[in-house]
């Protein structure tokens, strides 16, 4: 039983076909990685915008809730400060010349 001899051009065509398939696979992988980086960047931008708006919303809710408790105290302190500032201060031992 004799194994038939395969011509060189068939081997070269097979090697070229495999090389083309490998190059095509490399191109697909590099394109996939490029798209992953681009869409990952978009995802990070959208995630950052979401986190900033969520933090702002929660901050405003906190200010609103704590403001209901703090505003009356602030008004009370301001009224005291105004009352003190309207009083005239007399210093009996002032050293100013007449």
PDB file of N, CA and C in Angstrom:
ATOM      1  N   UNK A   1       0.836  -1.165   0.000  1.00  0.00           N
ATOM      2  CA  UNK A   1       0.000   0.000   0.000  1.00  0.00           C
ATOM      3  C   UNK A   1       0.895   1.247   0.000  1.00  0.00           C
ATOM      4  N   UNK A   2       0.660   2.061  -0.937  1.00  0.00           N
ATOM      5  CA  UNK A   2       1.496   3.232  -1.130  1.00  0.00           C
ATOM      6  C   UNK A   2       0.693   4.498  -0.821  1.00  0.00           C
ATOM      7  N   UNK A   3       1.300   5.441  -0.036  1.00  0.00           N
ATOM      8  CA  UNK A   3       0.653   6.708   0.281  1.00  0.00           C
ATOM      9  C   UNK A   3       0.880   7.643  -0.896  1.00  0.00           C
ATOM     10  N   UNK A   4      -0.213   8.226  -1.405  1.00  0.00           N
ATOM     11  CA  UNK A   4      -0.027   9.119  -2.554  1.00  0.00           C
ATOM     12  C   UNK A   4       0.721  10.392  -2.144  1.00  0.00           C
ATOM     13  N   UNK A   5       1.570  10.822  -3.046  1.00  0.00           N
ATOM     14  CA  UNK A   5       2.372  12.002  -2.780  1.00  0.00           C
ATOM     15  C   UNK A   5       1.529  13.251  -3.054  1.00  0.00           C
ATOM     16  N   UNK A   6       1.595  14.197  -2.071  1.00  0.00           N
ATOM     17  CA  UNK A   6       0.827  15.429  -2.205  1.00  0.00           C
ATOM     18  C   UNK A   6       1.761  16.482  -2.795  1.00  0.00           C
ATOM     19  N   UNK A   7       1.319  17.139  -3.857  1.00  0.00           N
ATOM     20  CA  UNK A   7       2.204  18.136  -4.485  1.00  0.00           C
ATOM     21  C   UNK A   7       2.470  19.329  -3.562  1.00  0.00           C
ATOM     22  N   UNK A   8       3.586  20.020  -3.838  1.00  0.00           N
ATOM     23  CA  UNK A   8       3.987  21.143  -3.008  1.00  0.00           C
ATOM     24  C   UNK A   8       2.958  22.270  -3.052  1.00  0.00           C
ATOM     25  N   UNK A   9       2.350  22.506  -4.178  1.00  0.00           N
ATOM     26  CA  UNK A   9       1.397  23.617  -4.283  1.00  0.00           C
ATOM     27  C   UNK A   9       0.190  23.393  -3.391  1.00  0.00           C
ATOM     28  N   UNK A  10      -0.206  22.133  -3.134  1.00  0.00           N
ATOM     29  CA  UNK A  10      -1.320  21.855  -2.238  1.00  0.00           C
ATOM     30  C   UNK A  10      -0.920  22.212  -0.810  1.00  0.00           C
ATOM     31  N   UNK A  11       0.322  21.867  -0.440  1.00  0.00           N
ATOM     32  CA  UNK A  11       0.809  22.223   0.887  1.00  0.00           C
ATOM     33  C   UNK A  11       0.850  23.749   1.049  1.00  0.00           C
ATOM     34  N   UNK A  12       1.365  24.435   0.036  1.00  0.00           N
ATOM     35  CA  UNK A  12       1.440  25.889   0.103  1.00  0.00           C
ATOM     36  C   UNK A  12       0.048  26.516   0.194  1.00  0.00           C
ATOM     37  N   UNK A  13      -0.891  25.974  -0.530  1.00  0.00           N
ATOM     38  CA  UNK A  13      -2.269  26.494  -0.455  1.00  0.00           C
ATOM     39  C   UNK A  13      -2.860  26.248   0.932  1.00  0.00           C
ATOM     40  N   UNK A  14      -2.586  25.074   1.500  1.00  0.00           N
ATOM     41  CA  UNK A  14      -3.076  24.782   2.850  1.00  0.00           C
ATOM     42  C   UNK A  14      -2.472  25.710   3.892  1.00  0.00           C
ATOM     43  N   UNK A  15      -1.158  25.967   3.785  1.00  0.00           N
ATOM     44  CA  UNK A  15      -0.483  26.878   4.707  1.00  0.00           C
ATOM     45  C   UNK A  15      -1.030  28.294   4.548  1.00  0.00           C
ATOM     46  N   UNK A  16      -1.246  28.728   3.287  1.00  0.00           N
ATOM     47  CA  UNK A  16      -1.787  30.066   3.041  1.00  0.00           C
ATOM     48  C   UNK A  16      -3.199  30.180   3.609  1.00  0.00           C
ATOM     49  N   UNK A  17      -3.997  29.118   3.434  1.00  0.00           N
ATOM     50  CA  UNK A  17      -5.362  29.131   3.969  1.00  0.00           C
ATOM     51  C   UNK A  17      -5.343  29.245   5.496  1.00  0.00           C
ATOM     52  N   UNK A  18      -4.510  28.474   6.150  1.00  0.00           N
ATOM     53  CA  UNK A  18      -4.404  28.540   7.608  1.00  0.00           C
ATOM     54  C   UNK A  18      -3.896  29.910   8.071  1.00  0.00           C
ATOM     55  N   UNK A  19      -2.935  30.463   7.320  1.00  0.00           N
ATOM     56  CA  UNK A  19      -2.409  31.786   7.686  1.00  0.00           C
ATOM     57  C   UNK A  19      -3.503  32.843   7.549  1.00  0.00           C
ATOM     58  N   UNK A  20      -4.297  32.740   6.474  1.00  0.00           N
ATOM     59  CA  UNK A  20      -5.389  33.691   6.295  1.00  0.00           C
ATOM     60  C   UNK A  20      -6.419  33.544   7.403  1.00  0.00           C
ATOM     61  N   UNK A  21      -6.706  32.328   7.775  1.00  0.00           N
ATOM     62  CA  UNK A  21      -7.675  32.116   8.846  1.00  0.00           C
ATOM     63  C   UNK A  21      -7.140  32.641  10.170  1.00  0.00           C
ATOM     64  N   UNK A  22      -5.893  32.463  10.444  1.00  0.00           N
ATOM     65  CA  UNK A  22      -5.296  32.964  11.671  1.00  0.00           C
ATOM     66  C   UNK A  22      -5.292  34.488  11.668  1.00  0.00           C
ATOM     67  N   UNK A  23      -4.937  35.099  10.538  1.00  0.00           N
ATOM     68  CA  UNK A  23      -4.947  36.557  10.436  1.00  0.00           C
ATOM     69  C   UNK A  23      -6.367  37.084  10.606  1.00  0.00           C
ATOM     70  N   UNK A  24      -7.345  36.416  10.011  1.00  0.00           N
ATOM     71  CA  UNK A  24      -8.750  36.822  10.145  1.00  0.00           C
ATOM     72  C   UNK A  24      -9.189  36.719  11.609  1.00  0.00           C
ATOM     73  N   UNK A  25      -8.775  35.660  12.269  1.00  0.00           N
ATOM     74  CA  UNK A  25      -9.102  35.491  13.685  1.00  0.00           C
ATOM     75  C   UNK A  25      -8.463  36.595  14.512  1.00  0.00           C
ATOM     76  N   UNK A  26      -7.218  36.940  14.218  1.00  0.00           N
ATOM     77  CA  UNK A  26      -6.543  38.010  14.940  1.00  0.00           C
ATOM     78  C   UNK A  26      -7.245  39.345  14.713  1.00  0.00           C
ATOM     79  N   UNK A  27      -7.688  39.580  13.487  1.00  0.00           N
ATOM     80  CA  UNK A  27      -8.419  40.811  13.188  1.00  0.00           C
ATOM     81  C   UNK A  27      -9.727  40.861  13.975  1.00  0.00           C
ATOM     82  N   UNK A  28     -10.433  39.743  14.043  1.00  0.00           N
ATOM     83  CA  UNK A  28     -11.686  39.702  14.805  1.00  0.00           C
ATOM     84  C   UNK A  28     -11.434  39.954  16.285  1.00  0.00           C
ATOM     85  N   UNK A  29     -10.407  39.361  16.827  1.00  0.00           N
ATOM     86  CA  UNK A  29     -10.094  39.554  18.243  1.00  0.00           C
ATOM     87  C   UNK A  29      -9.703  41.000  18.517  1.00  0.00           C
ATOM     88  N   UNK A  30      -8.895  41.586  17.640  1.00  0.00           N
ATOM     89  CA  UNK A  30      -8.488  42.975  17.862  1.00  0.00           C
ATOM     90  C   UNK A  30      -9.676  43.920  17.712  1.00  0.00           C
ATOM     91  N   UNK A  31     -10.575  43.653  16.765  1.00  0.00           N
ATOM     92  CA  UNK A  31     -11.771  44.483  16.626  1.00  0.00           C
ATOM     93  C   UNK A  31     -12.663  44.347  17.858  1.00  0.00           C
ATOM     94  N   UNK A  32     -12.789  43.148  18.375  1.00  0.00           N
ATOM     95  CA  UNK A  32     -13.590  42.925  19.576  1.00  0.00           C
ATOM     96  C   UNK A  32     -13.005  43.676  20.773  1.00  0.00           C
ATOM     97  N   UNK A  33     -11.712  43.639  20.921  1.00  0.00           N
ATOM     98  CA  UNK A  33     -11.065  44.365  22.015  1.00  0.00           C
ATOM     99  C   UNK A  33     -11.227  45.879  21.849  1.00  0.00           C
ATOM    100  N   UNK A  34     -11.133  46.354  20.614  1.00  0.00           N
ATOM    101  CA  UNK A  34     -11.313  47.779  20.361  1.00  0.00           C
ATOM    102  C   UNK A  34     -12.731  48.220  20.724  1.00  0.00           C
ATOM    103  N   UNK A  35     -13.719  47.455  20.307  1.00  0.00           N
ATOM    104  CA  UNK A  35     -15.110  47.773  20.657  1.00  0.00           C
ATOM    105  C   UNK A  35     -15.328  47.680  22.167  1.00  0.00           C
ATOM    106  N   UNK A  36     -14.693  46.709  22.808  1.00  0.00           N
ATOM    107  CA  UNK A  36     -14.841  46.583  24.261  1.00  0.00           C
ATOM    108  C   UNK A  36     -14.271  47.810  24.963  1.00  0.00           C
ATOM    109  N   UNK A  37     -13.136  48.311  24.511  1.00  0.00           N
ATOM    110  CA  UNK A  37     -12.545  49.501  25.132  1.00  0.00           C
ATOM    111  C   UNK A  37     -13.428  50.720  24.900  1.00  0.00           C
ATOM    112  N   UNK A  38     -13.929  50.888  23.685  1.00  0.00           N
ATOM    113  CA  UNK A  38     -14.768  52.045  23.363  1.00  0.00           C
ATOM    114  C   UNK A  38     -16.072  52.003  24.160  1.00  0.00           C
ATOM    115  N   UNK A  39     -16.765  50.877  24.129  1.00  0.00           N
ATOM    116  CA  UNK A  39     -18.026  50.786  24.853  1.00  0.00           C
ATOM    117  C   UNK A  39     -17.810  50.780  26.367  1.00  0.00           C
ATOM    118  N   UNK A  40     -16.668  50.269  26.818  1.00  0.00           N
ATOM    119  CA  UNK A  40     -16.342  50.361  28.236  1.00  0.00           C
ATOM    120  C   UNK A  40     -16.157  51.806  28.661  1.00  0.00           C
ATOM    121  N   UNK A  41     -15.540  52.612  27.803  1.00  0.00           N
ATOM    122  CA  UNK A  41     -15.407  54.043  28.096  1.00  0.00           C
ATOM    123  C   UNK A  41     -16.759  54.728  28.168  1.00  0.00           C
ATOM    124  N   UNK A  42     -17.641  54.423  27.217  1.00  0.00           N
ATOM    125  CA  UNK A  42     -18.997  54.978  27.265  1.00  0.00           C
ATOM    126  C   UNK A  42     -19.719  54.542  28.536  1.00  0.00           C
ATOM    127  N   UNK A  43     -19.531  53.294  28.920  1.00  0.00           N
ATOM    128  CA  UNK A  43     -20.164  52.786  30.126  1.00  0.00           C
ATOM    129  C   UNK A  43     -19.662  53.542  31.355  1.00  0.00           C
ATOM    130  N   UNK A  44     -18.373  53.807  31.417  1.00  0.00           N
ATOM    131  CA  UNK A  44     -17.827  54.552  32.554  1.00  0.00           C
ATOM    132  C   UNK A  44     -18.360  55.977  32.605  1.00  0.00           C
ATOM    133  N   UNK A  45     -18.504  56.613  31.445  1.00  0.00           N
ATOM    134  CA  UNK A  45     -19.048  57.970  31.412  1.00  0.00           C
ATOM    135  C   UNK A  45     -20.494  57.976  31.897  1.00  0.00           C
ATOM    136  N   UNK A  46     -21.293  57.038  31.396  1.00  0.00           N
ATOM    137  CA  UNK A  46     -22.697  56.968  31.809  1.00  0.00           C
ATOM    138  C   UNK A  46     -22.803  56.631  33.290  1.00  0.00           C
ATOM    139  N   UNK A  47     -21.961  55.733  33.763  1.00  0.00           N
ATOM    140  CA  UNK A  47     -21.973  55.366  35.182  1.00  0.00           C
ATOM    141  C   UNK A  47     -21.571  56.555  36.052  1.00  0.00           C
ATOM    142  N   UNK A  48     -20.589  57.334  35.609  1.00  0.00           N
ATOM    143  CA  UNK A  48     -20.178  58.509  36.374  1.00  0.00           C
ATOM    144  C   UNK A  48     -21.306  59.538  36.428  1.00  0.00           C
ATOM    145  N   UNK A  49     -21.989  59.750  35.317  1.00  0.00           N
ATOM    146  CA  UNK A  49     -23.114  60.690  35.302  1.00  0.00           C
ATOM    147  C   UNK A  49     -24.217  60.207  36.236  1.00  0.00           C
ATOM    148  N   UNK A  50     -24.491  58.919  36.216  1.00  0.00           N
ATOM    149  CA  UNK A  50     -25.527  58.366  37.094  1.00  0.00           C
ATOM    150  C   UNK A  50     -25.159  58.555  38.562  1.00  0.00           C
ATOM    151  N   UNK A  51     -23.912  58.264  38.905  1.00  0.00           N
ATOM    152  CA  UNK A  51     -23.479  58.383  40.302  1.00  0.00           C
ATOM    153  C   UNK A  51     -23.532  59.835  40.763  1.00  0.00           C
ATOM    154  N   UNK A  52     -23.113  60.761  39.898  1.00  0.00           N
ATOM    155  CA  UNK A  52     -23.136  62.178  40.270  1.00  0.00           C
ATOM    156  C   UNK A  52     -24.569  62.661  40.470  1.00  0.00           C
ATOM    157  N   UNK A  53     -25.483  62.298  39.573  1.00  0.00           N
ATOM    158  CA  UNK A  53     -26.877  62.736  39.725  1.00  0.00           C
ATOM    159  C   UNK A  53     -27.524  62.087  40.942  1.00  0.00           C
ATOM    160  N   UNK A  54     -27.206  60.829  41.196  1.00  0.00           N
ATOM    161  CA  UNK A  54     -27.758  60.144  42.376  1.00  0.00           C
ATOM    162  C   UNK A  54     -27.245  60.796  43.649  1.00  0.00           C
ATOM    163  N   UNK A  55     -25.950  61.116  43.689  1.00  0.00           N
ATOM    164  CA  UNK A  55     -25.389  61.766  44.874  1.00  0.00           C
ATOM    165  C   UNK A  55     -26.011  63.147  45.072  1.00  0.00           C
ATOM    166  N   UNK A  56     -26.204  63.890  43.984  1.00  0.00           N
ATOM    167  CA  UNK A  56     -26.838  65.202  44.087  1.00  0.00           C
ATOM    168  C   UNK A  56     -28.260  65.110  44.577  1.00  0.00           C
ATOM    169  N   UNK A  57     -28.995  64.124  44.086  1.00  0.00           N
ATOM    170  CA  UNK A  57     -30.385  63.940  44.506  1.00  0.00           C
ATOM    171  C   UNK A  57     -30.465  63.579  45.978  1.00  0.00           C
ATOM    172  N   UNK A  58     -29.611  62.655  46.404  1.00  0.00           N
ATOM    173  CA  UNK A  58     -29.621  62.274  47.821  1.00  0.00           C
ATOM    174  C   UNK A  58     -29.156  63.427  48.708  1.00  0.00           C
ATOM    175  N   UNK A  59     -28.190  64.210  48.217  1.00  0.00           N
ATOM    176  CA  UNK A  59     -27.735  65.367  48.972  1.00  0.00           C
ATOM    177  C   UNK A  59     -28.833  66.403  49.139  1.00  0.00           C
ATOM    178  N   UNK A  60     -29.582  66.647  48.064  1.00  0.00           N
ATOM    179  CA  UNK A  60     -30.691  67.599  48.154  1.00  0.00           C
ATOM    180  C   UNK A  60     -31.774  67.091  49.100  1.00  0.00           C
ATOM    181  N   UNK A  61     -32.059  65.794  49.065  1.00  0.00           N
ATOM    182  CA  UNK A  61     -33.039  65.227  49.996  1.00  0.00           C
ATOM    183  C   UNK A  61     -32.564  65.381  51.442  1.00  0.00           C
ATOM    184  N   UNK A  62     -31.261  65.172  51.676  1.00  0.00           N
ATOM    185  CA  UNK A  62     -30.723  65.314  53.026  1.00  0.00           C
ATOM    186  C   UNK A  62     -30.801  66.764  53.491  1.00  0.00           C
ATOM    187  N   UNK A  63     -30.464  67.700  52.597  1.00  0.00           N
ATOM    188  CA  UNK A  63     -30.527  69.114  52.967  1.00  0.00           C
ATOM    189  C   UNK A  63     -31.960  69.522  53.263  1.00  0.00           C
ATOM    190  N   UNK A  64     -32.894  69.019  52.471  1.00  0.00           N
ATOM    191  CA  UNK A  64     -34.296  69.345  52.704  1.00  0.00           C
ATOM    192  C   UNK A  64     -34.772  68.800  54.049  1.00  0.00           C
ATOM    193  N   UNK A  65     -34.399  67.559  54.340  1.00  0.00           N
ATOM    194  CA  UNK A  65     -34.831  66.950  55.599  1.00  0.00           C
ATOM    195  C   UNK A  65     -34.175  67.628  56.799  1.00  0.00           C
ATOM    196  N   UNK A  66     -32.882  67.902  56.711  1.00  0.00           N
ATOM    197  CA  UNK A  66     -32.215  68.530  57.846  1.00  0.00           C
ATOM    198  C   UNK A  66     -32.527  70.020  57.914  1.00  0.00           C
ATOM    199  N   UNK A  67     -32.873  70.613  56.797  1.00  0.00           N
ATOM    200  CA  UNK A  67     -33.221  72.029  56.791  1.00  0.00           C
ATOM    201  C   UNK A  67     -34.472  72.325  57.577  1.00  0.00           C
ATOM    202  N   UNK A  68     -35.404  71.393  57.598  1.00  0.00           N
ATOM    203  CA  UNK A  68     -36.640  71.583  58.361  1.00  0.00           C
ATOM    204  C   UNK A  68     -36.345  71.664  59.854  1.00  0.00           C
ATOM    205  N   UNK A  69     -35.280  71.022  60.273  1.00  0.00           N
ATOM    206  CA  UNK A  69     -34.901  71.073  61.683  1.00  0.00           C
ATOM    207  C   UNK A  69     -33.984  72.255  61.980  1.00  0.00           C
ATOM    208  N   UNK A  70     -33.131  72.613  61.043  1.00  0.00           N
ATOM    209  CA  UNK A  70     -32.122  73.627  61.310  1.00  0.00           C
ATOM    210  C   UNK A  70     -32.602  75.055  61.077  1.00  0.00           C
ATOM    211  N   UNK A  71     -33.519  75.254  60.153  1.00  0.00           N
ATOM    212  CA  UNK A  71     -33.940  76.617  59.807  1.00  0.00           C
ATOM    213  C   UNK A  71     -34.550  77.356  60.997  1.00  0.00           C
ATOM    214  N   UNK A  72     -35.440  76.758  61.802  1.00  0.00           N
ATOM    215  CA  UNK A  72     -35.942  77.500  62.971  1.00  0.00           C
ATOM    216  C   UNK A  72     -34.833  77.882  63.958  1.00  0.00           C
ATOM    217  N   UNK A  73     -33.852  76.993  64.162  1.00  0.00           N
ATOM    218  CA  UNK A  73     -32.748  77.310  65.064  1.00  0.00           C
ATOM    219  C   UNK A  73     -31.893  78.429  64.499  1.00  0.00           C
ATOM    220  N   UNK A  74     -31.697  78.416  63.187  1.00  0.00           N
ATOM    221  CA  UNK A  74     -30.904  79.477  62.557  1.00  0.00           C
ATOM    222  C   UNK A  74     -31.625  80.814  62.696  1.00  0.00           C
ATOM    223  N   UNK A  75     -32.940  80.838  62.493  1.00  0.00           N
ATOM    224  CA  UNK A  75     -33.709  82.076  62.651  1.00  0.00           C
ATOM    225  C   UNK A  75     -33.637  82.585  64.098  1.00  0.00           C
ATOM    226  N   UNK A  76     -33.715  81.666  65.038  1.00  0.00           N
ATOM    227  CA  UNK A  76     -33.647  82.054  66.450  1.00  0.00           C
ATOM    228  C   UNK A  76     -32.280  82.669  66.764  1.00  0.00           C
ATOM    229  N   UNK A  77     -31.216  82.064  66.315  1.00  0.00           N
ATOM    230  CA  UNK A  77     -29.866  82.596  66.563  1.00  0.00           C
ATOM    231  C   UNK A  77     -29.675  83.933  65.858  1.00  0.00           C
ATOM    232  N   UNK A  78     -30.227  84.062  64.659  1.00  0.00           N
ATOM    233  CA  UNK A  78     -30.110  85.321  63.925  1.00  0.00           C
ATOM    234  C   UNK A  78     -30.843  86.449  64.658  1.00  0.00           C
ATOM    235  N   UNK A  79     -32.020  86.132  65.208  1.00  0.00           N
ATOM    236  CA  UNK A  79     -32.775  87.138  65.970  1.00  0.00           C
ATOM    237  C   UNK A  79     -31.980  87.569  67.199  1.00  0.00           C
ATOM    238  N   UNK A  80     -31.328  86.627  67.880  1.00  0.00           N
ATOM    239  CA  UNK A  80     -30.503  86.971  69.042  1.00  0.00           C
ATOM    240  C   UNK A  80     -29.340  87.864  68.623  1.00  0.00           C
ATOM    241  N   UNK A  81     -28.723  87.518  67.502  1.00  0.00           N
ATOM    242  CA  UNK A  81     -27.599  88.301  67.017  1.00  0.00           C
ATOM    243  C   UNK A  81     -28.033  89.718  66.656  1.00  0.00           C
ATOM    244  N   UNK A  82     -29.205  89.856  66.043  1.00  0.00           N
ATOM    245  CA  UNK A  82     -29.714  91.190  65.710  1.00  0.00           C
ATOM    246  C   UNK A  82     -30.015  91.980  66.978  1.00  0.00           C
ATOM    247  N   UNK A  83     -30.581  91.337  67.980  1.00  0.00           N
ATOM    248  CA  UNK A  83     -30.885  92.021  69.233  1.00  0.00           C
ATOM    249  C   UNK A  83     -29.607  92.502  69.905  1.00  0.00           C
ATOM    250  N   UNK A  84     -28.570  91.685  69.890  1.00  0.00           N
ATOM    251  CA  UNK A  84     -27.304  92.085  70.502  1.00  0.00           C
ATOM    252  C   UNK A  84     -26.669  93.224  69.712  1.00  0.00           C
ATOM    253  N   UNK A  85     -26.751  93.168  68.397  1.00  0.00           N
ATOM    254  CA  UNK A  85     -26.097  94.206  67.589  1.00  0.00           C
ATOM    255  C   UNK A  85     -26.814  95.542  67.678  1.00  0.00           C
ATOM    256  N   UNK A  86     -28.092  95.553  68.050  1.00  0.00           N
ATOM    257  CA  UNK A  86     -28.823  96.817  68.165  1.00  0.00           C
ATOM    258  C   UNK A  86     -28.546  97.528  69.489  1.00  0.00           C
ATOM    259  N   UNK A  87     -28.069  96.793  70.467  1.00  0.00           N
ATOM    260  CA  UNK A  87     -27.742  97.407  71.756  1.00  0.00           C
ATOM    261  C   UNK A  87     -26.502  98.258  71.597  1.00  0.00           C
ATOM    262  N   UNK A  88     -26.502  99.366  72.275  1.00  0.00           N
ATOM    263  CA  UNK A  88     -25.297 100.199  72.259  1.00  0.00           C
ATOM    264  C   UNK A  88     -24.426  99.779  73.414  1.00  0.00           C
ATOM    265  N   UNK A  89     -23.183  99.719  73.150  1.00  0.00           N
ATOM    266  CA  UNK A  89     -22.245  99.312  74.181  1.00  0.00           C
ATOM    267  C   UNK A  89     -21.646 100.562  74.822  1.00  0.00           C
ATOM    268  N   UNK A  90     -21.770 100.658  76.103  1.00  0.00           N
ATOM    269  CA  UNK A  90     -21.181 101.758  76.844  1.00  0.00           C
ATOM    270  C   UNK A  90     -20.032 101.216  77.659  1.00  0.00           C
ATOM    271  N   UNK A  91     -18.910 101.789  77.431  1.00  0.00           N
ATOM    272  CA  UNK A  91     -17.740 101.391  78.208  1.00  0.00           C
ATOM    273  C   UNK A  91     -17.457 102.512  79.210  1.00  0.00           C
ATOM    274  N   UNK A  92     -17.690 102.247  80.483  1.00  0.00           N
ATOM    275  CA  UNK A  92     -17.523 103.301  81.461  1.00  0.00           C
ATOM    276  C   UNK A  92     -16.078 103.797  81.593  1.00  0.00           C
ATOM    277  N   UNK A  93     -15.131 102.973  81.334  1.00  0.00           N
ATOM    278  CA  UNK A  93     -13.748 103.372  81.506  1.00  0.00           C
ATOM    279  C   UNK A  93     -13.070 103.541  80.151  1.00  0.00           C
ATOM    280  N   UNK A  94     -13.693 104.243  79.305  1.00  0.00           N
ATOM    281  CA  UNK A  94     -13.104 104.428  77.985  1.00  0.00           C
ATOM    282  C   UNK A  94     -12.032 105.480  78.075  1.00  0.00           C
ATOM    283  N   UNK A  95     -10.967 105.292  77.332  1.00  0.00           N
ATOM    284  CA  UNK A  95      -9.837 106.193  77.419  1.00  0.00           C
ATOM    285  C   UNK A  95      -9.791 107.175  76.266  1.00  0.00           C
ATOM    286  N   UNK A  96     -10.888 107.442  75.692  1.00  0.00           N
ATOM    287  CA  UNK A  96     -10.876 108.389  74.580  1.00  0.00           C
ATOM    288  C   UNK A  96     -10.908 109.814  75.124  1.00  0.00           C
ATOM    289  N   UNK A  97     -10.273 110.699  74.440  1.00  0.00           N
ATOM    290  CA  UNK A  97     -10.190 112.103  74.875  1.00  0.00           C
ATOM    291  C   UNK A  97     -11.464 112.826  74.496  1.00  0.00           C
ATOM    292  N   UNK A  98     -11.939 113.782  75.386  1.00  0.00           N
ATOM    293  CA  UNK A  98     -13.185 114.520  75.098  1.00  0.00           C
ATOM    294  C   UNK A  98     -13.055 115.539  74.002  1.00  0.00           C
TER     295      UNK A  98
END
